[in-house]
Amino acid sequence: MLIDQSNPEGAFVWRDPPEYWEKIVWPAYVEGHRNLFVDGDVENGGLRTEINGLILLETLETSMTEAVSRCCVVLKDVAEK
Protein backbone atom coordinates (compact mmCIF):
# COMPACT_ATOMS: atom_id res chain seq x y z
CA MET A 1 0.00 0.00 0.00
CA LEU A 2 1.51 3.32 -1.05
CA ILE A 3 -0.06 6.44 0.42
CA ASP A 4 0.81 9.98 -0.55
CA GLN A 5 0.14 12.69 2.00
CA SER A 6 -0.04 16.29 0.86
CA ASN A 7 -1.02 19.59 2.39
CA PRO A 8 -4.14 21.54 1.30
CA GLU A 9 -2.14 23.37 -1.35
CA GLY A 10 -1.18 20.06 -2.89
CA ALA A 11 2.52 20.19 -2.00
CA PHE A 12 4.06 16.78 -1.40
CA VAL A 13 4.75 16.09 2.26
CA TRP A 14 5.10 12.34 2.82
CA ARG A 15 5.06 9.13 0.86
CA ASP A 16 5.00 5.83 2.73
CA PRO A 17 8.04 3.71 1.93
CA PRO A 18 7.39 0.25 0.47
CA GLU A 19 5.86 -2.16 3.00
CA TYR A 20 5.66 0.59 5.65
CA TRP A 21 2.10 -0.35 6.66
CA GLU A 22 2.62 -4.10 6.53
CA LYS A 23 5.97 -4.26 8.32
CA ILE A 24 5.87 -1.27 10.68
CA VAL A 25 2.45 0.28 11.31
CA TRP A 26 0.21 -2.78 11.47
CA PRO A 27 2.53 -4.97 13.59
CA ALA A 28 3.00 -2.08 16.05
CA TYR A 29 -0.77 -1.58 16.28
CA VAL A 30 -1.34 -5.29 16.90
CA GLU A 31 1.35 -5.40 19.59
CA GLY A 32 0.03 -2.28 21.30
CA HIS A 33 -3.64 -3.29 21.27
CA ARG A 34 -3.83 -7.08 21.51
CA ASN A 35 -4.43 -6.96 25.27
CA LEU A 36 -7.74 -5.19 24.61
CA PHE A 37 -9.17 -8.09 22.58
CA VAL A 38 -10.32 -11.60 23.47
CA ASP A 39 -7.46 -14.05 22.88
CA GLY A 40 -5.33 -11.14 21.59
CA ASP A 41 -7.16 -11.34 18.25
CA VAL A 42 -7.12 -7.71 17.05
CA GLU A 43 -8.80 -8.51 13.73
CA ASN A 44 -11.64 -10.82 14.79
CA GLY A 45 -11.76 -10.92 18.57
CA GLY A 46 -14.33 -8.99 20.56
CA LEU A 47 -13.38 -6.51 23.21
CA ARG A 48 -12.51 -7.97 26.58
CA THR A 49 -15.43 -7.22 28.86
CA GLU A 50 -13.36 -6.73 32.00
CA ILE A 51 -11.88 -3.46 30.71
CA ASN A 52 -14.20 -0.87 32.22
CA GLY A 53 -15.22 2.01 29.98
CA LEU A 54 -13.56 0.69 26.82
CA ILE A 55 -15.45 1.63 23.65
CA LEU A 56 -14.82 0.18 20.20
CA LEU A 57 -15.99 2.25 17.26
CA GLU A 58 -16.99 -0.05 14.41
CA THR A 59 -15.88 2.44 11.76
CA LEU A 60 -16.40 0.00 8.90
CA GLU A 61 -20.07 0.03 9.81
CA THR A 62 -20.50 3.78 10.42
CA SER A 63 -19.74 6.99 8.62
CA MET A 64 -16.88 9.24 9.68
CA THR A 65 -19.48 11.81 10.81
CA GLU A 66 -21.12 9.24 13.08
CA ALA A 67 -17.75 8.12 14.49
CA VAL A 68 -16.67 11.69 15.27
CA SER A 69 -20.05 12.45 16.80
CA ARG A 70 -19.86 9.41 19.05
CA CYS A 71 -16.35 10.37 20.15
CA CYS A 72 -17.52 13.87 21.00
CA VAL A 73 -20.42 12.53 23.07
CA VAL A 74 -18.10 10.21 25.02
CA LEU A 75 -15.55 13.00 25.60
CA LYS A 76 -18.29 15.35 26.79
CA ASP A 77 -19.67 12.71 29.17
CA VAL A 78 -16.21 12.02 30.62
CA ALA A 79 -15.47 15.75 31.00
CA GLU A 80 -18.73 16.29 32.90
CA LYS A 81 -17.93 13.61 35.50
PDB file of N, CA and C in Angstrom:
ATOM      1  N   MET A   1       0.854  -1.167   0.000  1.00  0.00           N
ATOM      2  CA  MET A   1       0.000   0.000   0.000  1.00  0.00           C
ATOM      3  C   MET A   1       0.897   1.227   0.000  1.00  0.00           C
ATOM      4  N   LEU A   2       0.712   2.103  -0.962  1.00  0.00           N
ATOM      5  CA  LEU A   2       1.508   3.317  -1.053  1.00  0.00           C
ATOM      6  C   LEU A   2       0.568   4.498  -0.873  1.00  0.00           C
ATOM      7  N   ILE A   3       0.825   5.316   0.121  1.00  0.00           N
ATOM      8  CA  ILE A   3      -0.059   6.438   0.419  1.00  0.00           C
ATOM      9  C   ILE A   3       0.721   7.733   0.328  1.00  0.00           C
ATOM     10  N   ASP A   4       0.211   8.651  -0.473  1.00  0.00           N
ATOM     11  CA  ASP A   4       0.805   9.981  -0.546  1.00  0.00           C
ATOM     12  C   ASP A   4       0.041  10.912   0.383  1.00  0.00           C
ATOM     13  N   GLN A   5       0.751  11.691   1.142  1.00  0.00           N
ATOM     14  CA  GLN A   5       0.137  12.690   2.003  1.00  0.00           C
ATOM     15  C   GLN A   5       0.568  14.055   1.490  1.00  0.00           C
ATOM     16  N   SER A   6      -0.378  14.955   1.312  1.00  0.00           N
ATOM     17  CA  SER A   6      -0.038  16.295   0.864  1.00  0.00           C
ATOM     18  C   SER A   6      -0.805  17.312   1.685  1.00  0.00           C
ATOM     19  N   ASN A   7      -0.334  18.539   1.654  1.00  0.00           N
ATOM     20  CA  ASN A   7      -1.016  19.591   2.386  1.00  0.00           C
ATOM     21  C   ASN A   7      -2.157  20.143   1.521  1.00  0.00           C
ATOM     22  N   PRO A   8      -2.998  21.031   2.066  1.00  0.00           N
ATOM     23  CA  PRO A   8      -4.141  21.544   1.299  1.00  0.00           C
ATOM     24  C   PRO A   8      -3.772  22.217  -0.021  1.00  0.00           C
ATOM     25  N   GLU A   9      -2.565  22.735  -0.111  1.00  0.00           N
ATOM     26  CA  GLU A   9      -2.136  23.374  -1.348  1.00  0.00           C
ATOM     27  C   GLU A   9      -1.657  22.357  -2.381  1.00  0.00           C
ATOM     28  N   GLY A  10      -1.588  21.101  -1.976  1.00  0.00           N
ATOM     29  CA  GLY A  10      -1.181  20.056  -2.889  1.00  0.00           C
ATOM     30  C   GLY A  10       0.305  19.767  -2.907  1.00  0.00           C
ATOM     31  N   ALA A  11       1.075  20.440  -2.047  1.00  0.00           N
ATOM     32  CA  ALA A  11       2.519  20.193  -2.001  1.00  0.00           C
ATOM     33  C   ALA A  11       2.792  18.836  -1.359  1.00  0.00           C
ATOM     34  N   PHE A  12       3.711  18.100  -1.910  1.00  0.00           N
ATOM     35  CA  PHE A  12       4.065  16.783  -1.403  1.00  0.00           C
ATOM     36  C   PHE A  12       4.695  16.892  -0.023  1.00  0.00           C
ATOM     37  N   VAL A  13       4.212  16.086   0.906  1.00  0.00           N
ATOM     38  CA  VAL A  13       4.746  16.094   2.258  1.00  0.00           C
ATOM     39  C   VAL A  13       5.341  14.741   2.629  1.00  0.00           C
ATOM     40  N   TRP A  14       4.640  13.646   2.381  1.00  0.00           N
ATOM     41  CA  TRP A  14       5.099  12.336   2.821  1.00  0.00           C
ATOM     42  C   TRP A  14       4.605  11.264   1.874  1.00  0.00           C
ATOM     43  N   ARG A  15       5.444  10.305   1.623  1.00  0.00           N
ATOM     44  CA  ARG A  15       5.058   9.126   0.864  1.00  0.00           C
ATOM     45  C   ARG A  15       5.557   7.914   1.635  1.00  0.00           C
ATOM     46  N   ASP A  16       4.622   7.021   1.988  1.00  0.00           N
ATOM     47  CA  ASP A  16       5.001   5.833   2.732  1.00  0.00           C
ATOM     48  C   ASP A  16       6.024   5.016   1.951  1.00  0.00           C
ATOM     49  N   PRO A  17       7.093   4.589   2.605  1.00  0.00           N
ATOM     50  CA  PRO A  17       8.041   3.710   1.934  1.00  0.00           C
ATOM     51  C   PRO A  17       7.393   2.352   1.654  1.00  0.00           C
ATOM     52  N   PRO A  18       7.947   1.569   0.750  1.00  0.00           N
ATOM     53  CA  PRO A  18       7.393   0.250   0.474  1.00  0.00           C
ATOM     54  C   PRO A  18       7.270  -0.592   1.751  1.00  0.00           C
ATOM     55  N   GLU A  19       6.158  -1.252   1.890  1.00  0.00           N
ATOM     56  CA  GLU A  19       5.858  -2.158   3.002  1.00  0.00           C
ATOM     57  C   GLU A  19       5.824  -1.474   4.366  1.00  0.00           C
ATOM     58  N   TYR A  20       5.707  -0.167   4.392  1.00  0.00           N
ATOM     59  CA  TYR A  20       5.656   0.587   5.652  1.00  0.00           C
ATOM     60  C   TYR A  20       4.482   0.145   6.510  1.00  0.00           C
ATOM     61  N   TRP A  21       3.295   0.056   5.908  1.00  0.00           N
ATOM     62  CA  TRP A  21       2.102  -0.345   6.655  1.00  0.00           C
ATOM     63  C   TRP A  21       2.239  -1.786   7.141  1.00  0.00           C
ATOM     64  N   GLU A  22       2.592  -2.682   6.231  1.00  0.00           N
ATOM     65  CA  GLU A  22       2.625  -4.103   6.528  1.00  0.00           C
ATOM     66  C   GLU A  22       3.701  -4.491   7.542  1.00  0.00           C
ATOM     67  N   LYS A  23       4.852  -3.847   7.474  1.00  0.00           N
ATOM     68  CA  LYS A  23       5.968  -4.257   8.324  1.00  0.00           C
ATOM     69  C   LYS A  23       6.190  -3.378   9.545  1.00  0.00           C
ATOM     70  N   ILE A  24       5.623  -2.178   9.555  1.00  0.00           N
ATOM     71  CA  ILE A  24       5.869  -1.268  10.676  1.00  0.00           C
ATOM     72  C   ILE A  24       4.572  -0.884  11.390  1.00  0.00           C
ATOM     73  N   VAL A  25       3.657  -0.264  10.673  1.00  0.00           N
ATOM     74  CA  VAL A  25       2.454   0.284  11.310  1.00  0.00           C
ATOM     75  C   VAL A  25       1.552  -0.809  11.864  1.00  0.00           C
ATOM     76  N   TRP A  26       1.152  -1.760  11.020  1.00  0.00           N
ATOM     77  CA  TRP A  26       0.207  -2.781  11.467  1.00  0.00           C
ATOM     78  C   TRP A  26       0.787  -3.650  12.588  1.00  0.00           C
ATOM     79  N   PRO A  27       2.000  -4.176  12.484  1.00  0.00           N
ATOM     80  CA  PRO A  27       2.532  -4.966  13.593  1.00  0.00           C
ATOM     81  C   PRO A  27       2.617  -4.184  14.912  1.00  0.00           C
ATOM     82  N   ALA A  28       2.938  -2.900  14.837  1.00  0.00           N
ATOM     83  CA  ALA A  28       3.001  -2.079  16.051  1.00  0.00           C
ATOM     84  C   ALA A  28       1.607  -1.892  16.649  1.00  0.00           C
ATOM     85  N   TYR A  29       0.608  -1.712  15.793  1.00  0.00           N
ATOM     86  CA  TYR A  29      -0.771  -1.581  16.281  1.00  0.00           C
ATOM     87  C   TYR A  29      -1.208  -2.865  16.975  1.00  0.00           C
ATOM     88  N   VAL A  30      -0.954  -3.999  16.330  1.00  0.00           N
ATOM     89  CA  VAL A  30      -1.341  -5.289  16.902  1.00  0.00           C
ATOM     90  C   VAL A  30      -0.667  -5.480  18.266  1.00  0.00           C
ATOM     91  N   GLU A  31       0.617  -5.234  18.335  1.00  0.00           N
ATOM     92  CA  GLU A  31       1.351  -5.403  19.593  1.00  0.00           C
ATOM     93  C   GLU A  31       0.817  -4.481  20.686  1.00  0.00           C
ATOM     94  N   GLY A  32       0.495  -3.263  20.321  1.00  0.00           N
ATOM     95  CA  GLY A  32       0.032  -2.280  21.300  1.00  0.00           C
ATOM     96  C   GLY A  32      -1.414  -2.439  21.726  1.00  0.00           C
ATOM     97  N   HIS A  33      -2.209  -3.203  20.975  1.00  0.00           N
ATOM     98  CA  HIS A  33      -3.641  -3.287  21.265  1.00  0.00           C
ATOM     99  C   HIS A  33      -4.162  -4.686  21.545  1.00  0.00           C
ATOM    100  N   ARG A  34      -3.331  -5.706  21.367  1.00  0.00           N
ATOM    101  CA  ARG A  34      -3.833  -7.079  21.508  1.00  0.00           C
ATOM    102  C   ARG A  34      -4.402  -7.359  22.882  1.00  0.00           C
ATOM    103  N   ASN A  35      -3.911  -6.705  23.919  1.00  0.00           N
ATOM    104  CA  ASN A  35      -4.426  -6.963  25.267  1.00  0.00           C
ATOM    105  C   ASN A  35      -5.865  -6.464  25.453  1.00  0.00           C
ATOM    106  N   LEU A  36      -6.366  -5.685  24.519  1.00  0.00           N
ATOM    107  CA  LEU A  36      -7.740  -5.194  24.610  1.00  0.00           C
ATOM    108  C   LEU A  36      -8.762  -6.181  24.042  1.00  0.00           C
ATOM    109  N   PHE A  37      -8.282  -7.184  23.299  1.00  0.00           N
ATOM    110  CA  PHE A  37      -9.171  -8.086  22.581  1.00  0.00           C
ATOM    111  C   PHE A  37      -9.103  -9.505  23.120  1.00  0.00           C
ATOM    112  N   VAL A  38     -10.234 -10.210  23.041  1.00  0.00           N
ATOM    113  CA  VAL A  38     -10.318 -11.602  23.467  1.00  0.00           C
ATOM    114  C   VAL A  38      -9.285 -12.418  22.703  1.00  0.00           C
ATOM    115  N   ASP A  39      -8.520 -13.205  23.432  1.00  0.00           N
ATOM    116  CA  ASP A  39      -7.462 -14.051  22.876  1.00  0.00           C
ATOM    117  C   ASP A  39      -6.415 -13.269  22.076  1.00  0.00           C
ATOM    118  N   GLY A  40      -6.310 -11.955  22.298  1.00  0.00           N
ATOM    119  CA  GLY A  40      -5.328 -11.143  21.595  1.00  0.00           C
ATOM    120  C   GLY A  40      -5.587 -11.005  20.110  1.00  0.00           C
ATOM    121  N   ASP A  41      -6.805 -11.352  19.678  1.00  0.00           N
ATOM    122  CA  ASP A  41      -7.161 -11.337  18.254  1.00  0.00           C
ATOM    123  C   ASP A  41      -7.681  -9.954  17.853  1.00  0.00           C
ATOM    124  N   VAL A  42      -6.780  -9.092  17.398  1.00  0.00           N
ATOM    125  CA  VAL A  42      -7.121  -7.714  17.049  1.00  0.00           C
ATOM    126  C   VAL A  42      -8.084  -7.638  15.867  1.00  0.00           C
ATOM    127  N   GLU A  43      -7.977  -8.570  14.939  1.00  0.00           N
ATOM    128  CA  GLU A  43      -8.802  -8.508  13.733  1.00  0.00           C
ATOM    129  C   GLU A  43     -10.198  -9.081  13.921  1.00  0.00           C
ATOM    130  N   ASN A  44     -10.343 -10.155  14.694  1.00  0.00           N
ATOM    131  CA  ASN A  44     -11.636 -10.820  14.787  1.00  0.00           C
ATOM    132  C   ASN A  44     -12.165 -10.987  16.198  1.00  0.00           C
ATOM    133  N   GLY A  45     -11.337 -10.735  17.193  1.00  0.00           N
ATOM    134  CA  GLY A  45     -11.764 -10.919  18.571  1.00  0.00           C
ATOM    135  C   GLY A  45     -12.613  -9.762  19.054  1.00  0.00           C
ATOM    136  N   GLY A  46     -13.527 -10.050  19.945  1.00  0.00           N
ATOM    137  CA  GLY A  46     -14.330  -8.993  20.561  1.00  0.00           C
ATOM    138  C   GLY A  46     -13.525  -8.309  21.649  1.00  0.00           C
ATOM    139  N   LEU A  47     -14.036  -7.204  22.114  1.00  0.00           N
ATOM    140  CA  LEU A  47     -13.376  -6.507  23.213  1.00  0.00           C
ATOM    141  C   LEU A  47     -13.490  -7.326  24.486  1.00  0.00           C
ATOM    142  N   ARG A  48     -12.454  -7.308  25.282  1.00  0.00           N
ATOM    143  CA  ARG A  48     -12.509  -7.969  26.576  1.00  0.00           C
ATOM    144  C   ARG A  48     -13.462  -7.190  27.459  1.00  0.00           C
ATOM    145  N   THR A  49     -14.385  -7.873  28.076  1.00  0.00           N
ATOM    146  CA  THR A  49     -15.435  -7.218  28.856  1.00  0.00           C
ATOM    147  C   THR A  49     -14.955  -6.688  30.197  1.00  0.00           C
ATOM    148  N   GLU A  50     -13.816  -7.171  30.690  1.00  0.00           N
ATOM    149  CA  GLU A  50     -13.359  -6.728  32.005  1.00  0.00           C
ATOM    150  C   GLU A  50     -12.638  -5.386  31.972  1.00  0.00           C
ATOM    151  N   ILE A  51     -12.519  -4.774  30.816  1.00  0.00           N
ATOM    152  CA  ILE A  51     -11.883  -3.464  30.714  1.00  0.00           C
ATOM    153  C   ILE A  51     -12.983  -2.410  30.788  1.00  0.00           C
ATOM    154  N   ASN A  52     -13.122  -1.816  31.948  1.00  0.00           N
ATOM    155  CA  ASN A  52     -14.197  -0.869  32.220  1.00  0.00           C
ATOM    156  C   ASN A  52     -14.078   0.401  31.384  1.00  0.00           C
ATOM    157  N   GLY A  53     -15.164   0.766  30.715  1.00  0.00           N
ATOM    158  CA  GLY A  53     -15.220   2.010  29.977  1.00  0.00           C
ATOM    159  C   GLY A  53     -14.641   1.972  28.578  1.00  0.00           C
ATOM    160  N   LEU A  54     -14.150   0.810  28.149  1.00  0.00           N
ATOM    161  CA  LEU A  54     -13.564   0.695  26.816  1.00  0.00           C
ATOM    162  C   LEU A  54     -14.664   0.715  25.760  1.00  0.00           C
ATOM    163  N   ILE A  55     -14.467   1.508  24.720  1.00  0.00           N
ATOM    164  CA  ILE A  55     -15.447   1.634  23.648  1.00  0.00           C
ATOM    165  C   ILE A  55     -14.747   1.345  22.322  1.00  0.00           C
ATOM    166  N   LEU A  56     -15.345   0.471  21.530  1.00  0.00           N
ATOM    167  CA  LEU A  56     -14.823   0.178  20.198  1.00  0.00           C
ATOM    168  C   LEU A  56     -15.751   0.815  19.176  1.00  0.00           C
ATOM    169  N   LEU A  57     -15.201   1.656  18.336  1.00  0.00           N
ATOM    170  CA  LEU A  57     -15.992   2.248  17.255  1.00  0.00           C
ATOM    171  C   LEU A  57     -15.872   1.350  16.030  1.00  0.00           C
ATOM    172  N   GLU A  58     -16.976   0.806  15.596  1.00  0.00           N
ATOM    173  CA  GLU A  58     -16.990  -0.051  14.406  1.00  0.00           C
ATOM    174  C   GLU A  58     -17.043   0.857  13.185  1.00  0.00           C
ATOM    175  N   THR A  59     -15.906   1.424  12.813  1.00  0.00           N
ATOM    176  CA  THR A  59     -15.882   2.438  11.762  1.00  0.00           C
ATOM    177  C   THR A  59     -16.117   1.879  10.371  1.00  0.00           C
ATOM    178  N   LEU A  60     -16.045   0.568  10.208  1.00  0.00           N
ATOM    179  CA  LEU A  60     -16.404  -0.003   8.904  1.00  0.00           C
ATOM    180  C   LEU A  60     -17.911  -0.044   8.728  1.00  0.00           C
ATOM    181  N   GLU A  61     -18.618   0.104   9.842  1.00  0.00           N
ATOM    182  CA  GLU A  61     -20.075   0.034   9.807  1.00  0.00           C
ATOM    183  C   GLU A  61     -20.737   1.397  10.002  1.00  0.00           C
ATOM    184  N   THR A  62     -19.944   2.444  10.212  1.00  0.00           N
ATOM    185  CA  THR A  62     -20.504   3.777  10.417  1.00  0.00           C
ATOM    186  C   THR A  62     -19.774   4.787   9.539  1.00  0.00           C
ATOM    187  N   SER A  63     -20.392   5.926   9.381  1.00  0.00           N
ATOM    188  CA  SER A  63     -19.737   6.986   8.618  1.00  0.00           C
ATOM    189  C   SER A  63     -18.733   7.710   9.512  1.00  0.00           C
ATOM    190  N   MET A  64     -17.851   8.463   8.919  1.00  0.00           N
ATOM    191  CA  MET A  64     -16.882   9.241   9.683  1.00  0.00           C
ATOM    192  C   MET A  64     -17.617  10.249  10.560  1.00  0.00           C
ATOM    193  N   THR A  65     -18.687  10.846  10.033  1.00  0.00           N
ATOM    194  CA  THR A  65     -19.475  11.806  10.805  1.00  0.00           C
ATOM    195  C   THR A  65     -20.043  11.154  12.063  1.00  0.00           C
ATOM    196  N   GLU A  66     -20.572   9.956  11.923  1.00  0.00           N
ATOM    197  CA  GLU A  66     -21.121   9.243  13.078  1.00  0.00           C
ATOM    198  C   GLU A  66     -20.022   8.903  14.090  1.00  0.00           C
ATOM    199  N   ALA A  67     -18.862   8.472  13.599  1.00  0.00           N
ATOM    200  CA  ALA A  67     -17.755   8.120  14.487  1.00  0.00           C
ATOM    201  C   ALA A  67     -17.275   9.341  15.269  1.00  0.00           C
ATOM    202  N   VAL A  68     -17.108  10.465  14.600  1.00  0.00           N
ATOM    203  CA  VAL A  68     -16.667  11.694  15.270  1.00  0.00           C
ATOM    204  C   VAL A  68     -17.717  12.150  16.272  1.00  0.00           C
ATOM    205  N   SER A  69     -18.972  12.067  15.894  1.00  0.00           N
ATOM    206  CA  SER A  69     -20.054  12.453  16.796  1.00  0.00           C
ATOM    207  C   SER A  69     -20.058  11.595  18.060  1.00  0.00           C
ATOM    208  N   ARG A  70     -19.886  10.301  17.887  1.00  0.00           N
ATOM    209  CA  ARG A  70     -19.863   9.408  19.051  1.00  0.00           C
ATOM    210  C   ARG A  70     -18.678   9.728  19.954  1.00  0.00           C
ATOM    211  N   CYS A  71     -17.521   9.991  19.362  1.00  0.00           N
ATOM    212  CA  CYS A  71     -16.346  10.365  20.148  1.00  0.00           C
ATOM    213  C   CYS A  71     -16.605  11.634  20.947  1.00  0.00           C
ATOM    214  N   CYS A  72     -17.233  12.596  20.320  1.00  0.00           N
ATOM    215  CA  CYS A  72     -17.522  13.868  20.998  1.00  0.00           C
ATOM    216  C   CYS A  72     -18.469  13.665  22.173  1.00  0.00           C
ATOM    217  N   VAL A  73     -19.473  12.818  21.999  1.00  0.00           N
ATOM    218  CA  VAL A  73     -20.422  12.534  23.074  1.00  0.00           C
ATOM    219  C   VAL A  73     -19.696  11.876  24.243  1.00  0.00           C
ATOM    220  N   VAL A  74     -18.844  10.899  23.963  1.00  0.00           N
ATOM    221  CA  VAL A  74     -18.098  10.212  25.022  1.00  0.00           C
ATOM    222  C   VAL A  74     -17.174  11.190  25.740  1.00  0.00           C
ATOM    223  N   LEU A  75     -16.446  12.017  24.985  1.00  0.00           N
ATOM    224  CA  LEU A  75     -15.550  13.004  25.605  1.00  0.00           C
ATOM    225  C   LEU A  75     -16.313  13.984  26.480  1.00  0.00           C
ATOM    226  N   LYS A  76     -17.456  14.420  26.011  1.00  0.00           N
ATOM    227  CA  LYS A  76     -18.287  15.352  26.794  1.00  0.00           C
ATOM    228  C   LYS A  76     -18.750  14.688  28.087  1.00  0.00           C
ATOM    229  N   ASP A  77     -19.204  13.437  27.971  1.00  0.00           N
ATOM    230  CA  ASP A  77     -19.667  12.714  29.169  1.00  0.00           C
ATOM    231  C   ASP A  77     -18.548  12.547  30.181  1.00  0.00           C
ATOM    232  N   VAL A  78     -17.354  12.205  29.720  1.00  0.00           N
ATOM    233  CA  VAL A  78     -16.214  12.025  30.620  1.00  0.00           C
ATOM    234  C   VAL A  78     -15.835  13.352  31.261  1.00  0.00           C
ATOM    235  N   ALA A  79     -15.846  14.433  30.489  1.00  0.00           N
ATOM    236  CA  ALA A  79     -15.468  15.754  31.004  1.00  0.00           C
ATOM    237  C   ALA A  79     -16.447  16.244  32.073  1.00  0.00           C
ATOM    238  N   GLU A  80     -17.700  15.835  31.954  1.00  0.00           N
ATOM    239  CA  GLU A  80     -18.731  16.291  32.905  1.00  0.00           C
ATOM    240  C   GLU A  80     -18.730  15.498  34.212  1.00  0.00           C
ATOM    241  N   LYS A  81     -17.966  14.430  34.278  1.00  0.00           N
ATOM    242  CA  LYS A  81     -17.932  13.612  35.505  1.00  0.00           C
ATOM    243  C   LYS A  81     -17.051  14.233  36.551  1.00  0.00           C
TER     244      LYS A  81
END
